[in-house]
């Protein structure tokens, strides 16, 4: 049933597609091994999360978008714990 909810959520979001998402950076969470970027709302009310695992974090080299910046992420929109997410494997998937 959860994939159906994700599909309905993506249909409701005009900027959401199977291949990416465009939204405003609301918050950036850094952990030891990853970075999470909340778009169009802060956790737990974000419309999209961009997840950068450690190998992608090192490729970005500390150049992060500022809060309030409009960012476009290319990649497959997946469901993570009932929320839409895009896993970023390469910095070329991001533009701002």
PDB file of N, CA and C in Angstrom:
ATOM      1  N   UNK A   1       0.805  -1.190   0.000  1.00  0.00           N
ATOM      2  CA  UNK A   1       0.000   0.000   0.000  1.00  0.00           C
ATOM      3  C   UNK A   1       0.857   1.267   0.000  1.00  0.00           C
ATOM      4  N   UNK A   2       2.053   1.224   0.649  1.00  0.00           N
ATOM      5  CA  UNK A   2       2.885   2.420   0.739  1.00  0.00           C
ATOM      6  C   UNK A   2       3.311   2.950  -0.630  1.00  0.00           C
ATOM      7  N   UNK A   3       3.662   2.087  -1.608  1.00  0.00           N
ATOM      8  CA  UNK A   3       4.006   2.644  -2.917  1.00  0.00           C
ATOM      9  C   UNK A   3       2.861   3.457  -3.523  1.00  0.00           C
ATOM     10  N   UNK A   4       1.625   3.064  -3.256  1.00  0.00           N
ATOM     11  CA  UNK A   4       0.477   3.810  -3.756  1.00  0.00           C
ATOM     12  C   UNK A   4       0.449   5.202  -3.128  1.00  0.00           C
ATOM     13  N   UNK A   5       0.725   5.296  -1.822  1.00  0.00           N
ATOM     14  CA  UNK A   5       0.763   6.599  -1.157  1.00  0.00           C
ATOM     15  C   UNK A   5       1.871   7.473  -1.727  1.00  0.00           C
ATOM     16  N   UNK A   6       3.023   6.882  -2.012  1.00  0.00           N
ATOM     17  CA  UNK A   6       4.124   7.647  -2.605  1.00  0.00           C
ATOM     18  C   UNK A   6       3.730   8.161  -3.974  1.00  0.00           C
ATOM     19  N   UNK A   7       3.095   7.326  -4.767  1.00  0.00           N
ATOM     20  CA  UNK A   7       2.644   7.742  -6.093  1.00  0.00           C
ATOM     21  C   UNK A   7       1.662   8.897  -5.978  1.00  0.00           C
ATOM     22  N   UNK A   8       0.718   8.794  -5.063  1.00  0.00           N
ATOM     23  CA  UNK A   8      -0.254   9.864  -4.884  1.00  0.00           C
ATOM     24  C   UNK A   8       0.418  11.139  -4.399  1.00  0.00           C
ATOM     25  N   UNK A   9       1.416  11.013  -3.523  1.00  0.00           N
ATOM     26  CA  UNK A   9       2.147  12.191  -3.049  1.00  0.00           C
ATOM     27  C   UNK A   9       2.893  12.856  -4.187  1.00  0.00           C
ATOM     28  N   UNK A  10       3.503  12.064  -5.070  1.00  0.00           N
ATOM     29  CA  UNK A  10       4.234  12.629  -6.204  1.00  0.00           C
ATOM     30  C   UNK A  10       3.292  13.292  -7.198  1.00  0.00           C
ATOM     31  N   UNK A  11       2.130  12.718  -7.396  1.00  0.00           N
ATOM     32  CA  UNK A  11       1.161  13.331  -8.298  1.00  0.00           C
ATOM     33  C   UNK A  11       0.723  14.676  -7.739  1.00  0.00           C
ATOM     34  N   UNK A  12       0.600  14.764  -6.418  1.00  0.00           N
ATOM     35  CA  UNK A  12       0.176  16.013  -5.786  1.00  0.00           C
ATOM     36  C   UNK A  12       1.248  17.088  -5.861  1.00  0.00           C
ATOM     37  N   UNK A  13       2.509  16.706  -5.973  1.00  0.00           N
ATOM     38  CA  UNK A  13       3.607  17.668  -6.040  1.00  0.00           C
ATOM     39  C   UNK A  13       3.911  17.966  -7.504  1.00  0.00           C
ATOM     40  N   UNK A  14       3.676  19.180  -7.921  1.00  0.00           N
ATOM     41  CA  UNK A  14       3.859  19.512  -9.331  1.00  0.00           C
ATOM     42  C   UNK A  14       5.308  19.428  -9.764  1.00  0.00           C
ATOM     43  N   UNK A  15       6.267  19.628  -8.848  1.00  0.00           N
ATOM     44  CA  UNK A  15       7.671  19.608  -9.213  1.00  0.00           C
ATOM     45  C   UNK A  15       8.256  18.197  -9.181  1.00  0.00           C
ATOM     46  N   UNK A  16       7.489  17.219  -8.771  1.00  0.00           N
ATOM     47  CA  UNK A  16       7.994  15.863  -8.619  1.00  0.00           C
ATOM     48  C   UNK A  16       7.809  15.071  -9.908  1.00  0.00           C
ATOM     49  N   UNK A  17       8.806  14.281 -10.238  1.00  0.00           N
ATOM     50  CA  UNK A  17       8.693  13.402 -11.393  1.00  0.00           C
ATOM     51  C   UNK A  17       9.447  12.124 -11.095  1.00  0.00           C
ATOM     52  N   UNK A  18       9.356  11.164 -11.986  1.00  0.00           N
ATOM     53  CA  UNK A  18      10.077   9.919 -11.791  1.00  0.00           C
ATOM     54  C   UNK A  18      11.575  10.127 -11.874  1.00  0.00           C
ATOM     55  N   UNK A  19      12.008  11.203 -12.493  1.00  0.00           N
ATOM     56  CA  UNK A  19      13.446  11.371 -12.713  1.00  0.00           C
ATOM     57  C   UNK A  19      14.044  12.544 -11.948  1.00  0.00           C
ATOM     58  N   UNK A  20      13.308  13.162 -11.044  1.00  0.00           N
ATOM     59  CA  UNK A  20      13.908  14.248 -10.290  1.00  0.00           C
ATOM     60  C   UNK A  20      12.911  15.121  -9.560  1.00  0.00           C
ATOM     61  N   UNK A  21      13.452  16.195  -8.966  1.00  0.00           N
ATOM     62  CA  UNK A  21      12.639  17.089  -8.166  1.00  0.00           C
ATOM     63  C   UNK A  21      13.329  18.446  -8.095  1.00  0.00           C
ATOM     64  N   UNK A  22      12.548  19.512  -8.126  1.00  0.00           N
ATOM     65  CA  UNK A  22      13.054  20.860  -7.943  1.00  0.00           C
ATOM     66  C   UNK A  22      12.354  21.458  -6.734  1.00  0.00           C
ATOM     67  N   UNK A  23      13.136  21.979  -5.789  1.00  0.00           N
ATOM     68  CA  UNK A  23      12.548  22.555  -4.593  1.00  0.00           C
ATOM     69  C   UNK A  23      13.520  23.474  -3.885  1.00  0.00           C
ATOM     70  N   UNK A  24      13.074  24.044  -2.783  1.00  0.00           N
ATOM     71  CA  UNK A  24      13.863  24.995  -2.003  1.00  0.00           C
ATOM     72  C   UNK A  24      14.503  24.287  -0.810  1.00  0.00           C
ATOM     73  N   UNK A  25      15.793  24.513  -0.619  1.00  0.00           N
ATOM     74  CA  UNK A  25      16.513  23.922   0.505  1.00  0.00           C
ATOM     75  C   UNK A  25      16.032  24.567   1.800  1.00  0.00           C
ATOM     76  N   UNK A  26      15.522  23.751   2.704  1.00  0.00           N
ATOM     77  CA  UNK A  26      15.038  24.231   3.993  1.00  0.00           C
ATOM     78  C   UNK A  26      15.999  23.896   5.126  1.00  0.00           C
ATOM     79  N   UNK A  27      16.710  22.766   5.012  1.00  0.00           N
ATOM     80  CA  UNK A  27      17.641  22.366   6.065  1.00  0.00           C
ATOM     81  C   UNK A  27      18.624  21.346   5.509  1.00  0.00           C
ATOM     82  N   UNK A  28      19.826  21.329   6.089  1.00  0.00           N
ATOM     83  CA  UNK A  28      20.857  20.368   5.715  1.00  0.00           C
ATOM     84  C   UNK A  28      21.342  19.703   6.996  1.00  0.00           C
ATOM     85  N   UNK A  29      21.237  18.364   7.037  1.00  0.00           N
ATOM     86  CA  UNK A  29      21.666  17.586   8.199  1.00  0.00           C
ATOM     87  C   UNK A  29      22.940  16.836   7.819  1.00  0.00           C
ATOM     88  N   UNK A  30      24.003  17.041   8.568  1.00  0.00           N
ATOM     89  CA  UNK A  30      25.250  16.322   8.325  1.00  0.00           C
ATOM     90  C   UNK A  30      25.453  15.296   9.430  1.00  0.00           C
ATOM     91  N   UNK A  31      25.775  14.073   9.037  1.00  0.00           N
ATOM     92  CA  UNK A  31      26.131  13.034   9.997  1.00  0.00           C
ATOM     93  C   UNK A  31      27.561  12.606   9.683  1.00  0.00           C
ATOM     94  N   UNK A  32      28.070  11.626  10.393  1.00  0.00           N
ATOM     95  CA  UNK A  32      29.424  11.137  10.114  1.00  0.00           C
ATOM     96  C   UNK A  32      29.537  10.522   8.720  1.00  0.00           C
ATOM     97  N   UNK A  33      28.471   9.910   8.256  1.00  0.00           N
ATOM     98  CA  UNK A  33      28.583   9.152   7.006  1.00  0.00           C
ATOM     99  C   UNK A  33      27.676   9.638   5.884  1.00  0.00           C
ATOM    100  N   UNK A  34      26.885  10.675   6.112  1.00  0.00           N
ATOM    101  CA  UNK A  34      25.966  11.094   5.060  1.00  0.00           C
ATOM    102  C   UNK A  34      25.518  12.538   5.264  1.00  0.00           C
ATOM    103  N   UNK A  35      24.806  13.026   4.254  1.00  0.00           N
ATOM    104  CA  UNK A  35      24.180  14.345   4.333  1.00  0.00           C
ATOM    105  C   UNK A  35      22.736  14.181   3.876  1.00  0.00           C
ATOM    106  N   UNK A  36      21.817  14.777   4.602  1.00  0.00           N
ATOM    107  CA  UNK A  36      20.405  14.786   4.239  1.00  0.00           C
ATOM    108  C   UNK A  36      20.000  16.234   3.977  1.00  0.00           C
ATOM    109  N   UNK A  37      19.399  16.479   2.837  1.00  0.00           N
ATOM    110  CA  UNK A  37      18.934  17.811   2.482  1.00  0.00           C
ATOM    111  C   UNK A  37      17.413  17.783   2.409  1.00  0.00           C
ATOM    112  N   UNK A  38      16.768  18.596   3.252  1.00  0.00           N
ATOM    113  CA  UNK A  38      15.305  18.698   3.252  1.00  0.00           C
ATOM    114  C   UNK A  38      14.886  19.776   2.267  1.00  0.00           C
ATOM    115  N   UNK A  39      13.960  19.432   1.379  1.00  0.00           N
ATOM    116  CA  UNK A  39      13.437  20.381   0.403  1.00  0.00           C
ATOM    117  C   UNK A  39      11.974  20.675   0.697  1.00  0.00           C
ATOM    118  N   UNK A  40      11.600  21.948   0.547  1.00  0.00           N
ATOM    119  CA  UNK A  40      10.203  22.395   0.679  1.00  0.00           C
ATOM    120  C   UNK A  40       9.583  21.990   2.005  1.00  0.00           C
ATOM    121  N   UNK A  41      10.295  22.251   3.083  1.00  0.00           N
ATOM    122  CA  UNK A  41       9.821  21.958   4.429  1.00  0.00           C
ATOM    123  C   UNK A  41      10.936  21.335   5.238  1.00  0.00           C
ATOM    124  N   UNK A  42      10.833  21.487   6.566  1.00  0.00           N
ATOM    125  CA  UNK A  42      11.836  20.908   7.451  1.00  0.00           C
ATOM    126  C   UNK A  42      11.312  19.601   8.016  1.00  0.00           C
ATOM    127  N   UNK A  43      12.228  18.699   8.313  1.00  0.00           N
ATOM    128  CA  UNK A  43      11.872  17.411   8.894  1.00  0.00           C
ATOM    129  C   UNK A  43      11.008  17.636  10.131  1.00  0.00           C
ATOM    130  N   UNK A  44       9.922  16.947  10.266  1.00  0.00           N
ATOM    131  CA  UNK A  44       9.405  15.815   9.501  1.00  0.00           C
ATOM    132  C   UNK A  44       8.384  16.192   8.433  1.00  0.00           C
ATOM    133  N   UNK A  45       8.302  17.465   8.077  1.00  0.00           N
ATOM    134  CA  UNK A  45       7.289  17.934   7.126  1.00  0.00           C
ATOM    135  C   UNK A  45       7.850  18.262   5.745  1.00  0.00           C
ATOM    136  N   UNK A  46       9.038  17.779   5.433  1.00  0.00           N
ATOM    137  CA  UNK A  46       9.634  18.060   4.129  1.00  0.00           C
ATOM    138  C   UNK A  46       8.879  17.332   3.020  1.00  0.00           C
ATOM    139  N   UNK A  47       8.877  17.936   1.836  1.00  0.00           N
ATOM    140  CA  UNK A  47       8.229  17.308   0.683  1.00  0.00           C
ATOM    141  C   UNK A  47       9.163  16.300   0.011  1.00  0.00           C
ATOM    142  N   UNK A  48      10.488  16.524   0.139  1.00  0.00           N
ATOM    143  CA  UNK A  48      11.475  15.640  -0.478  1.00  0.00           C
ATOM    144  C   UNK A  48      12.747  15.665   0.350  1.00  0.00           C
ATOM    145  N   UNK A  49      13.407  14.512   0.427  1.00  0.00           N
ATOM    146  CA  UNK A  49      14.712  14.411   1.069  1.00  0.00           C
ATOM    147  C   UNK A  49      15.725  13.970   0.027  1.00  0.00           C
ATOM    148  N   UNK A  50      16.867  14.643   0.011  1.00  0.00           N
ATOM    149  CA  UNK A  50      17.991  14.210  -0.811  1.00  0.00           C
ATOM    150  C   UNK A  50      18.987  13.555   0.126  1.00  0.00           C
ATOM    151  N   UNK A  51      19.332  12.303  -0.157  1.00  0.00           N
ATOM    152  CA  UNK A  51      20.249  11.544   0.688  1.00  0.00           C
ATOM    153  C   UNK A  51      21.567  11.372  -0.055  1.00  0.00           C
ATOM    154  N   UNK A  52      22.646  11.857   0.540  1.00  0.00           N
ATOM    155  CA  UNK A  52      23.976  11.708  -0.033  1.00  0.00           C
ATOM    156  C   UNK A  52      24.790  10.792   0.872  1.00  0.00           C
ATOM    157  N   UNK A  53      25.061   9.545   0.441  1.00  0.00           N
ATOM    158  CA  UNK A  53      25.899   8.656   1.241  1.00  0.00           C
ATOM    159  C   UNK A  53      27.339   9.160   1.238  1.00  0.00           C
ATOM    160  N   UNK A  54      28.168   8.582   2.094  1.00  0.00           N
ATOM    161  CA  UNK A  54      29.525   9.086   2.305  1.00  0.00           C
ATOM    162  C   UNK A  54      30.328   9.236   1.020  1.00  0.00           C
ATOM    163  N   UNK A  55      30.227   8.290   0.089  1.00  0.00           N
ATOM    164  CA  UNK A  55      31.017   8.397  -1.143  1.00  0.00           C
ATOM    165  C   UNK A  55      30.610   9.613  -1.982  1.00  0.00           C
ATOM    166  N   UNK A  56      29.361  10.001  -1.926  1.00  0.00           N
ATOM    167  CA  UNK A  56      28.909  11.193  -2.658  1.00  0.00           C
ATOM    168  C   UNK A  56      29.299  12.464  -1.917  1.00  0.00           C
ATOM    169  N   UNK A  57      29.286  12.421  -0.586  1.00  0.00           N
ATOM    170  CA  UNK A  57      29.641  13.587   0.214  1.00  0.00           C
ATOM    171  C   UNK A  57      31.069  14.024  -0.103  1.00  0.00           C
ATOM    172  N   UNK A  58      31.983  13.076  -0.218  1.00  0.00           N
ATOM    173  CA  UNK A  58      33.377  13.412  -0.509  1.00  0.00           C
ATOM    174  C   UNK A  58      33.548  13.997  -1.904  1.00  0.00           C
ATOM    175  N   UNK A  59      32.678  13.626  -2.824  1.00  0.00           N
ATOM    176  CA  UNK A  59      32.770  14.153  -4.194  1.00  0.00           C
ATOM    177  C   UNK A  59      32.286  15.597  -4.295  1.00  0.00           C
ATOM    178  N   UNK A  60      31.415  16.022  -3.391  1.00  0.00           N
ATOM    179  CA  UNK A  60      30.885  17.379  -3.437  1.00  0.00           C
ATOM    180  C   UNK A  60      31.928  18.386  -2.940  1.00  0.00           C
ATOM    181  N   UNK A  61      32.849  17.962  -2.093  1.00  0.00           N
ATOM    182  CA  UNK A  61      33.952  18.792  -1.598  1.00  0.00           C
ATOM    183  C   UNK A  61      33.495  20.014  -0.826  1.00  0.00           C
ATOM    184  N   UNK A  62      32.431  19.890  -0.050  1.00  0.00           N
ATOM    185  CA  UNK A  62      32.014  20.979   0.817  1.00  0.00           C
ATOM    186  C   UNK A  62      31.261  22.111   0.160  1.00  0.00           C
ATOM    187  N   UNK A  63      30.974  22.019  -1.115  1.00  0.00           N
ATOM    188  CA  UNK A  63      30.203  23.060  -1.792  1.00  0.00           C
ATOM    189  C   UNK A  63      28.720  22.714  -1.682  1.00  0.00           C
ATOM    190  N   UNK A  64      28.065  23.268  -0.660  1.00  0.00           N
ATOM    191  CA  UNK A  64      26.664  22.960  -0.421  1.00  0.00           C
ATOM    192  C   UNK A  64      25.812  24.173  -0.753  1.00  0.00           C
ATOM    193  N   UNK A  65      24.587  23.951  -1.199  1.00  0.00           N
ATOM    194  CA  UNK A  65      23.690  25.085  -1.451  1.00  0.00           C
ATOM    195  C   UNK A  65      23.308  25.742  -0.127  1.00  0.00           C
ATOM    196  N   UNK A  66      23.042  27.015  -0.156  1.00  0.00           N
ATOM    197  CA  UNK A  66      22.617  27.736   1.047  1.00  0.00           C
ATOM    198  C   UNK A  66      21.131  27.484   1.313  1.00  0.00           C
ATOM    199  N   UNK A  67      20.735  27.648   2.555  1.00  0.00           N
ATOM    200  CA  UNK A  67      19.322  27.551   2.909  1.00  0.00           C
ATOM    201  C   UNK A  67      18.573  28.603   2.090  1.00  0.00           C
ATOM    202  N   UNK A  68      17.446  28.207   1.505  1.00  0.00           N
ATOM    203  CA  UNK A  68      16.652  29.115   0.688  1.00  0.00           C
ATOM    204  C   UNK A  68      16.955  29.025  -0.801  1.00  0.00           C
ATOM    205  N   UNK A  69      17.990  28.279  -1.166  1.00  0.00           N
ATOM    206  CA  UNK A  69      18.370  28.116  -2.569  1.00  0.00           C
ATOM    207  C   UNK A  69      17.443  27.122  -3.255  1.00  0.00           C
ATOM    208  N   UNK A  70      17.073  27.411  -4.485  1.00  0.00           N
ATOM    209  CA  UNK A  70      16.305  26.451  -5.282  1.00  0.00           C
ATOM    210  C   UNK A  70      17.295  25.472  -5.895  1.00  0.00           C
ATOM    211  N   UNK A  71      17.027  24.186  -5.707  1.00  0.00           N
ATOM    212  CA  UNK A  71      17.923  23.132  -6.163  1.00  0.00           C
ATOM    213  C   UNK A  71      17.144  22.128  -7.001  1.00  0.00           C
ATOM    214  N   UNK A  72      17.794  21.586  -8.017  1.00  0.00           N
ATOM    215  CA  UNK A  72      17.206  20.525  -8.827  1.00  0.00           C
ATOM    216  C   UNK A  72      18.036  19.267  -8.627  1.00  0.00           C
ATOM    217  N   UNK A  73      17.365  18.191  -8.294  1.00  0.00           N
ATOM    218  CA  UNK A  73      18.024  16.903  -8.093  1.00  0.00           C
ATOM    219  C   UNK A  73      17.514  15.936  -9.145  1.00  0.00           C
ATOM    220  N   UNK A  74      18.438  15.296  -9.852  1.00  0.00           N
ATOM    221  CA  UNK A  74      18.071  14.300 -10.852  1.00  0.00           C
ATOM    222  C   UNK A  74      18.295  12.918 -10.267  1.00  0.00           C
ATOM    223  N   UNK A  75      17.343  12.052 -10.474  1.00  0.00           N
ATOM    224  CA  UNK A  75      17.440  10.696  -9.970  1.00  0.00           C
ATOM    225  C   UNK A  75      16.071  10.121  -9.713  1.00  0.00           C
ATOM    226  N   UNK A  76      16.047   8.846  -9.433  1.00  0.00           N
ATOM    227  CA  UNK A  76      14.787   8.155  -9.202  1.00  0.00           C
ATOM    228  C   UNK A  76      14.214   8.526  -7.837  1.00  0.00           C
ATOM    229  N   UNK A  77      12.953   8.897  -7.829  1.00  0.00           N
ATOM    230  CA  UNK A  77      12.256   9.178  -6.575  1.00  0.00           C
ATOM    231  C   UNK A  77      11.836   7.840  -5.985  1.00  0.00           C
ATOM    232  N   UNK A  78      12.319   7.571  -4.756  1.00  0.00           N
ATOM    233  CA  UNK A  78      11.994   6.325  -4.076  1.00  0.00           C
ATOM    234  C   UNK A  78      11.263   6.626  -2.778  1.00  0.00           C
ATOM    235  N   UNK A  79      10.791   5.580  -2.148  1.00  0.00           N
ATOM    236  CA  UNK A  79      10.077   5.695  -0.888  1.00  0.00           C
ATOM    237  C   UNK A  79      10.993   5.222   0.227  1.00  0.00           C
ATOM    238  N   UNK A  80      11.255   6.092   1.203  1.00  0.00           N
ATOM    239  CA  UNK A  80      12.023   5.705   2.383  1.00  0.00           C
ATOM    240  C   UNK A  80      11.184   6.013   3.615  1.00  0.00           C
ATOM    241  N   UNK A  81      10.732   4.965   4.272  1.00  0.00           N
ATOM    242  CA  UNK A  81       9.882   5.097   5.466  1.00  0.00           C
ATOM    243  C   UNK A  81       8.684   5.993   5.231  1.00  0.00           C
ATOM    244  N   UNK A  82       8.055   5.818   4.070  1.00  0.00           N
ATOM    245  CA  UNK A  82       6.836   6.545   3.757  1.00  0.00           C
ATOM    246  C   UNK A  82       7.041   7.952   3.223  1.00  0.00           C
ATOM    247  N   UNK A  83       8.275   8.342   2.966  1.00  0.00           N
ATOM    248  CA  UNK A  83       8.593   9.689   2.467  1.00  0.00           C
ATOM    249  C   UNK A  83       9.342   9.597   1.148  1.00  0.00           C
ATOM    250  N   UNK A  84       9.101  10.538   0.226  1.00  0.00           N
ATOM    251  CA  UNK A  84       9.848  10.529  -1.034  1.00  0.00           C
ATOM    252  C   UNK A  84      11.294  10.949  -0.813  1.00  0.00           C
ATOM    253  N   UNK A  85      12.202  10.263  -1.512  1.00  0.00           N
ATOM    254  CA  UNK A  85      13.628  10.517  -1.357  1.00  0.00           C
ATOM    255  C   UNK A  85      14.340  10.251  -2.677  1.00  0.00           C
ATOM    256  N   UNK A  86      15.414  11.000  -2.903  1.00  0.00           N
ATOM    257  CA  UNK A  86      16.296  10.742  -4.032  1.00  0.00           C
ATOM    258  C   UNK A  86      17.686  10.507  -3.455  1.00  0.00           C
ATOM    259  N   UNK A  87      18.308   9.392  -3.816  1.00  0.00           N
ATOM    260  CA  UNK A  87      19.672   9.109  -3.393  1.00  0.00           C
ATOM    261  C   UNK A  87      20.611   9.729  -4.422  1.00  0.00           C
ATOM    262  N   UNK A  88      21.526  10.555  -3.942  1.00  0.00           N
ATOM    263  CA  UNK A  88      22.475  11.249  -4.802  1.00  0.00           C
ATOM    264  C   UNK A  88      23.802  10.498  -4.739  1.00  0.00           C
ATOM    265  N   UNK A  89      24.210   9.927  -5.879  1.00  0.00           N
ATOM    266  CA  UNK A  89      25.469   9.185  -5.943  1.00  0.00           C
ATOM    267  C   UNK A  89      26.602  10.014  -6.526  1.00  0.00           C
ATOM    268  N   UNK A  90      26.241  11.077  -7.257  1.00  0.00           N
ATOM    269  CA  UNK A  90      27.239  11.886  -7.940  1.00  0.00           C
ATOM    270  C   UNK A  90      26.804  13.346  -7.902  1.00  0.00           C
ATOM    271  N   UNK A  91      27.736  14.281  -7.696  1.00  0.00           N
ATOM    272  CA  UNK A  91      27.365  15.701  -7.663  1.00  0.00           C
ATOM    273  C   UNK A  91      26.697  16.198  -8.940  1.00  0.00           C
ATOM    274  N   UNK A  92      26.928  15.518 -10.056  1.00  0.00           N
ATOM    275  CA  UNK A  92      26.297  15.940 -11.315  1.00  0.00           C
ATOM    276  C   UNK A  92      24.779  15.788 -11.267  1.00  0.00           C
ATOM    277  N   UNK A  93      24.258  15.082 -10.285  1.00  0.00           N
ATOM    278  CA  UNK A  93      22.818  14.936 -10.118  1.00  0.00           C
ATOM    279  C   UNK A  93      22.191  16.193  -9.511  1.00  0.00           C
ATOM    280  N   UNK A  94      23.017  17.108  -9.007  1.00  0.00           N
ATOM    281  CA  UNK A  94      22.538  18.309  -8.345  1.00  0.00           C
ATOM    282  C   UNK A  94      22.898  19.545  -9.137  1.00  0.00           C
ATOM    283  N   UNK A  95      21.975  20.495  -9.173  1.00  0.00           N
ATOM    284  CA  UNK A  95      22.281  21.803  -9.754  1.00  0.00           C
ATOM    285  C   UNK A  95      21.508  22.867  -8.989  1.00  0.00           C
ATOM    286  N   UNK A  96      22.164  24.015  -8.789  1.00  0.00           N
ATOM    287  CA  UNK A  96      21.534  25.149  -8.115  1.00  0.00           C
ATOM    288  C   UNK A  96      22.160  26.427  -8.567  1.00  0.00           C
TER     289      UNK A  96
END
